[in-house]
Amino acid sequence: MSMLVDALGTLHQPYEADAEAGAGPRIVSLVPSITELLCELGLSRYLVGRTGFCIHPKSVVQDIPKIGGTKDVNIEKIRQLAPTHLIVNIDENEKPTVETLAQFIPHVIVTHPLVPRDNLALYQLLGGIFGVQEKAQELCIQFEAAYAALDPVPDHTQSVVYCIWQDPWMTVSRDTYIAAMLALIGWQIWSPPNSILRYPGFQWSSAVEHPIDRVLLSTEPYRFTETHVDALEKQLGLPVQLVDGEMLSWYGSRAIAGLQYLRGLSKQ
């Protein structure tokens, strides 16, 4: 079995339940896409806490206690849940909060997928820790099939602005998971020159100075709609389209459907 190493290089051991108590792990997930992945791996019965943004699969997570948001976590509520494992993400969760939780949660698993193929290691990491390697391998096979079904990256790439917020306008940098997903179909992210931020703000005046082929408005975290699309198209005179933010930014099991979604985008 491969070593179970998380994004911080921490080595994890497969969880061994207390034979006398007969108890399984008690998992708190602060990452919406990981919560969905844990359910897909058949581990929902071990989830004792989730964020309010952990909304998939709805029929399953509705019975799991909420412990706040991804950044405004109710630490005392988590303490009362007595978790054995905490799953966090470098981008989505605050480091001081995680450090506080680590004082009383034995096992903290840190995730940070940066490119689509990082999902394979993520499946194997969680599958190995929680004893569901076979299910994790099934997801790996499904991912590889969806990845292989993508058309070759075209010779002519497109430059796109991917919007995640307005007032102020914000986009993503080229070293994000979203950018890596779009690069699979030859859509290259535009981001503000010289910015070191992963999610920088920008002005449309600076964006339109470059040859932009299209603007993408994501359905999350800001809830862009077709109304926003129509207004921005009139303002910029550029093609603008609404895209499913979950399909392009959620890793975990959602990434498999995300690759299939990408294939559809590439035809547009």
Protein backbone atom coordinates (compact mmCIF):
# COMPACT_ATOMS: atom_id res chain seq x y z
CA MET A 1 0.00 0.00 0.00
CA SER A 2 1.28 3.48 -0.89
CA MET A 3 2.12 5.93 1.87
CA LEU A 4 -0.83 7.99 3.08
CA VAL A 5 0.62 11.49 2.93
CA ASP A 6 -1.54 14.64 2.91
CA ALA A 7 -0.88 18.06 1.33
CA LEU A 8 1.38 19.15 4.20
CA GLY A 9 3.46 15.99 3.99
CA THR A 10 1.92 14.51 7.14
CA LEU A 11 1.94 10.73 7.18
CA HIS A 12 -1.38 9.20 8.22
CA GLN A 13 -2.08 5.68 9.40
CA PRO A 14 -5.14 3.63 8.45
CA TYR A 15 -7.80 4.19 11.10
CA GLU A 16 -8.19 1.30 13.49
CA ALA A 17 -11.43 1.26 15.42
CA ASP A 18 -11.52 0.45 19.10
CA ALA A 19 -12.39 -3.23 18.96
CA GLU A 20 -14.05 -3.19 22.39
CA ALA A 21 -16.13 -0.10 21.78
CA GLY A 22 -16.89 -1.12 18.21
CA ALA A 23 -16.75 2.54 17.18
CA GLY A 24 -15.70 3.84 13.81
CA PRO A 25 -14.03 7.18 13.06
CA ARG A 26 -15.81 10.45 13.84
CA ILE A 27 -15.13 12.82 10.96
CA VAL A 28 -15.69 16.57 10.71
CA SER A 29 -15.30 17.95 7.19
CA LEU A 30 -14.77 21.67 6.62
CA VAL A 31 -14.61 21.23 2.83
CA PRO A 32 -17.83 20.94 0.79
CA SER A 33 -16.32 18.90 -2.03
CA ILE A 34 -14.61 16.56 0.43
CA THR A 35 -17.88 16.01 2.28
CA GLU A 36 -19.42 14.90 -1.01
CA LEU A 37 -16.43 12.65 -1.69
CA LEU A 38 -16.67 11.01 1.74
CA CYS A 39 -20.32 10.22 1.06
CA GLU A 40 -19.41 8.78 -2.35
CA LEU A 41 -16.84 6.58 -0.62
CA GLY A 42 -19.58 5.21 1.65
CA LEU A 43 -18.37 7.02 4.77
CA SER A 44 -21.38 9.23 5.48
CA ARG A 45 -22.24 7.30 8.65
CA TYR A 46 -18.94 8.48 10.14
CA LEU A 47 -19.51 12.16 9.37
CA VAL A 48 -20.44 13.94 12.60
CA GLY A 49 -20.04 17.53 11.42
CA ARG A 50 -20.04 19.59 8.21
CA THR A 51 -20.18 23.22 7.11
CA GLY A 52 -23.33 24.91 5.92
CA PHE A 53 -21.81 24.92 2.44
CA CYS A 54 -21.55 21.11 2.40
CA ILE A 55 -24.77 20.66 0.44
CA HIS A 56 -24.17 17.50 -1.61
CA PRO A 57 -25.59 14.90 -1.59
CA LYS A 58 -28.57 16.75 -0.12
CA SER A 59 -30.50 13.69 1.06
CA VAL A 60 -27.48 12.52 3.05
CA VAL A 61 -25.92 15.68 4.46
CA GLN A 62 -29.19 17.13 5.75
CA ASP A 63 -28.92 14.78 8.74
CA ILE A 64 -25.30 15.75 9.55
CA PRO A 65 -24.91 18.60 12.08
CA LYS A 66 -23.70 21.96 10.77
CA ILE A 67 -20.74 23.54 12.53
CA GLY A 68 -20.65 26.95 10.82
CA GLY A 69 -19.08 27.96 7.52
CA THR A 70 -15.76 27.11 5.94
CA LYS A 71 -14.14 30.11 7.62
CA ASP A 72 -16.44 30.99 10.54
CA VAL A 73 -16.30 27.68 12.38
CA ASN A 74 -18.03 27.02 15.71
CA ILE A 75 -15.08 25.56 17.57
CA GLU A 76 -16.97 24.66 20.74
CA LYS A 77 -19.64 22.81 18.79
CA ILE A 78 -16.93 20.78 17.07
CA ARG A 79 -15.32 20.05 20.44
CA GLN A 80 -18.61 18.62 21.71
CA LEU A 81 -18.80 16.31 18.68
CA ALA A 82 -15.53 14.66 19.81
CA PRO A 83 -14.18 13.99 16.31
CA THR A 84 -11.26 11.68 15.67
CA HIS A 85 -10.54 13.23 12.25
CA LEU A 86 -10.74 16.73 10.78
CA ILE A 87 -10.50 17.28 7.04
CA VAL A 88 -9.52 20.76 5.82
CA ASN A 89 -8.26 22.52 2.70
CA ILE A 90 -5.45 25.07 2.45
CA ASP A 91 -7.47 27.48 0.28
CA GLU A 92 -10.83 27.15 1.97
CA ASN A 93 -10.09 27.10 5.71
CA GLU A 94 -8.31 29.55 8.02
CA LYS A 95 -4.96 28.35 9.34
CA PRO A 96 -5.46 29.73 12.91
CA THR A 97 -8.80 27.93 13.14
CA VAL A 98 -7.27 24.65 12.00
CA GLU A 99 -4.42 25.04 14.50
CA THR A 100 -6.93 25.56 17.31
CA LEU A 101 -8.93 22.49 16.29
CA ALA A 102 -5.74 20.43 16.04
CA GLN A 103 -5.23 20.91 19.77
CA PHE A 104 -8.07 18.51 20.53
CA ILE A 105 -8.65 16.55 17.31
CA PRO A 106 -6.13 13.68 16.99
CA HIS A 107 -5.94 13.51 13.20
CA VAL A 108 -6.01 16.53 10.86
CA ILE A 109 -5.97 15.70 7.15
CA VAL A 110 -4.96 18.65 4.96
CA THR A 111 -5.98 18.68 1.29
CA HIS A 112 -4.88 20.97 -1.54
CA PRO A 113 -5.54 19.64 -5.06
CA LEU A 114 -4.02 22.02 -7.62
CA VAL A 115 -4.59 20.14 -10.85
CA PRO A 116 -7.32 17.67 -11.87
CA ARG A 117 -5.10 14.59 -11.66
CA ASP A 118 -4.42 15.37 -7.98
CA ASN A 119 -7.86 13.83 -7.41
CA LEU A 120 -6.40 10.38 -7.90
CA ALA A 121 -4.10 10.79 -4.89
CA LEU A 122 -6.97 12.35 -2.93
CA TYR A 123 -9.21 9.31 -3.53
CA GLN A 124 -6.41 6.96 -2.50
CA LEU A 125 -5.50 9.00 0.58
CA LEU A 126 -9.01 8.99 2.04
CA GLY A 127 -9.70 5.47 0.87
CA GLY A 128 -6.54 4.24 2.56
CA ILE A 129 -7.11 6.08 5.83
CA PHE A 130 -10.71 4.98 6.22
CA GLY A 131 -10.47 1.46 4.79
CA VAL A 132 -12.43 1.90 1.57
CA GLN A 133 -9.63 1.33 -0.92
CA GLU A 134 -11.82 -0.62 -3.31
CA LYS A 135 -14.33 2.20 -3.64
CA ALA A 136 -11.49 4.70 -4.01
CA GLN A 137 -10.06 2.62 -6.85
CA GLU A 138 -13.45 2.63 -8.57
CA LEU A 139 -13.41 6.43 -8.50
CA CYS A 140 -9.88 6.43 -9.91
CA ILE A 141 -11.05 4.28 -12.83
CA GLN A 142 -14.05 6.57 -13.47
CA PHE A 143 -11.81 9.64 -13.34
CA GLU A 144 -9.30 8.17 -15.77
CA ALA A 145 -12.09 7.29 -18.20
CA ALA A 146 -13.53 10.81 -18.09
CA TYR A 147 -10.04 12.30 -18.48
CA ALA A 148 -9.26 10.10 -21.46
CA ALA A 149 -12.53 11.09 -23.12
CA LEU A 150 -11.47 14.74 -23.34
CA ASP A 151 -10.54 15.93 -26.80
CA PRO A 152 -6.88 16.87 -27.39
CA VAL A 153 -6.06 20.44 -26.38
CA PRO A 154 -6.51 22.59 -29.52
CA ASP A 155 -3.51 24.35 -31.04
CA HIS A 156 -5.31 27.68 -30.75
CA THR A 157 -5.98 28.50 -27.12
CA GLN A 158 -8.54 31.02 -25.91
CA SER A 159 -7.96 33.72 -23.30
CA VAL A 160 -10.78 33.85 -20.75
CA VAL A 161 -11.64 35.92 -17.71
CA TYR A 162 -13.19 33.69 -15.02
CA CYS A 163 -15.25 35.79 -12.60
CA ILE A 164 -15.97 34.55 -9.08
CA TRP A 165 -17.25 37.83 -7.58
CA GLN A 166 -18.43 41.33 -8.36
CA ASP A 167 -18.37 44.52 -6.26
CA PRO A 168 -15.42 44.15 -6.34
CA TRP A 169 -14.76 42.07 -9.41
CA MET A 170 -12.53 39.08 -8.63
CA THR A 171 -11.00 36.34 -10.73
CA VAL A 172 -8.61 33.40 -10.24
CA SER A 173 -4.88 33.12 -10.86
CA ARG A 174 -3.22 30.70 -13.25
CA ASP A 175 -2.01 28.42 -10.45
CA THR A 176 -5.51 27.49 -9.23
CA TYR A 177 -7.43 24.26 -9.71
CA ILE A 178 -10.00 26.13 -11.82
CA ALA A 179 -7.32 27.38 -14.18
CA ALA A 180 -5.89 23.87 -14.51
CA MET A 181 -9.34 22.50 -15.34
CA LEU A 182 -9.96 25.07 -18.07
CA ALA A 183 -6.48 24.54 -19.50
CA LEU A 184 -7.53 20.97 -20.36
CA ILE A 185 -9.69 22.40 -23.15
CA GLY A 186 -7.27 25.15 -24.16
CA TRP A 187 -8.90 27.99 -22.22
CA GLN A 188 -6.15 30.05 -20.60
CA ILE A 189 -6.96 32.22 -17.60
CA TRP A 190 -6.33 35.94 -17.77
CA SER A 191 -5.37 37.45 -14.43
CA PRO A 192 -4.07 40.91 -13.46
CA PRO A 193 -0.40 41.36 -14.42
CA ASN A 194 2.06 41.22 -11.51
CA SER A 195 -0.59 40.03 -9.02
CA ILE A 196 0.63 37.46 -6.50
CA LEU A 197 -2.86 36.70 -5.19
CA ARG A 198 -4.60 33.45 -6.00
CA TYR A 199 -7.96 35.22 -6.16
CA PRO A 200 -7.15 38.78 -7.27
CA GLY A 201 -9.43 41.73 -7.76
CA PHE A 202 -9.36 43.55 -11.11
CA GLN A 203 -10.87 46.37 -13.17
CA TRP A 204 -12.51 45.69 -16.48
CA SER A 205 -10.46 48.44 -18.06
CA SER A 206 -7.29 46.42 -17.46
CA ALA A 207 -8.84 43.18 -18.68
CA VAL A 208 -10.17 44.49 -21.97
CA GLU A 209 -6.77 45.92 -22.87
CA HIS A 210 -5.77 42.33 -23.61
CA PRO A 211 -7.22 40.15 -26.38
CA ILE A 212 -9.91 38.38 -24.37
CA ASP A 213 -11.90 35.74 -26.24
CA ARG A 214 -14.66 35.23 -23.69
CA VAL A 215 -15.79 36.00 -20.13
CA LEU A 216 -17.02 33.26 -17.80
CA LEU A 217 -19.35 34.07 -14.92
CA SER A 218 -19.31 31.30 -12.30
CA THR A 219 -22.43 30.27 -10.41
CA GLU A 220 -20.36 30.15 -7.23
CA PRO A 221 -19.22 31.54 -4.85
CA TYR A 222 -21.07 34.58 -6.25
CA ARG A 223 -24.41 33.60 -7.70
CA PHE A 224 -24.07 35.01 -11.17
CA THR A 225 -27.14 34.58 -13.38
CA GLU A 226 -28.11 35.10 -17.01
CA THR A 227 -29.15 38.64 -16.05
CA HIS A 228 -25.52 39.37 -15.18
CA VAL A 229 -24.47 37.78 -18.48
CA ASP A 230 -26.72 40.06 -20.52
CA ALA A 231 -25.64 43.20 -18.66
CA LEU A 232 -21.92 42.46 -18.97
CA GLU A 233 -22.14 41.57 -22.65
CA LYS A 234 -23.70 44.98 -23.33
CA GLN A 235 -21.03 46.69 -21.24
CA LEU A 236 -18.00 44.94 -22.73
CA GLY A 237 -19.02 43.89 -26.20
CA LEU A 238 -17.43 40.50 -25.55
CA PRO A 239 -18.95 36.99 -25.42
CA VAL A 240 -20.05 36.26 -21.85
CA GLN A 241 -21.41 32.95 -20.60
CA LEU A 242 -22.60 31.43 -17.34
CA VAL A 243 -20.67 28.35 -16.17
CA ASP A 244 -21.30 25.86 -13.38
CA GLY A 245 -18.84 26.77 -10.64
CA GLU A 246 -19.22 23.44 -8.85
CA MET A 247 -18.24 21.52 -11.97
CA LEU A 248 -15.11 23.60 -12.48
CA SER A 249 -13.93 24.18 -8.91
CA TRP A 250 -15.04 21.17 -6.85
CA TYR A 251 -12.48 18.41 -6.68
CA GLY A 252 -13.25 15.00 -5.18
CA SER A 253 -15.90 12.82 -6.79
CA ARG A 254 -17.51 15.89 -8.42
CA ALA A 255 -14.37 16.20 -10.58
CA ILE A 256 -15.46 13.19 -12.63
CA ALA A 257 -18.67 14.94 -13.67
CA GLY A 258 -16.60 18.12 -13.99
CA LEU A 259 -14.43 16.55 -16.69
CA GLN A 260 -17.56 15.51 -18.57
CA TYR A 261 -18.88 19.06 -18.20
CA LEU A 262 -15.59 20.40 -19.58
CA ARG A 263 -15.98 18.24 -22.64
CA GLY A 264 -19.32 19.94 -23.32
CA LEU A 265 -17.81 23.40 -22.83
CA SER A 266 -15.09 22.63 -25.33
CA LYS A 267 -17.75 22.25 -28.04
CA GLN A 268 -19.03 25.79 -27.51
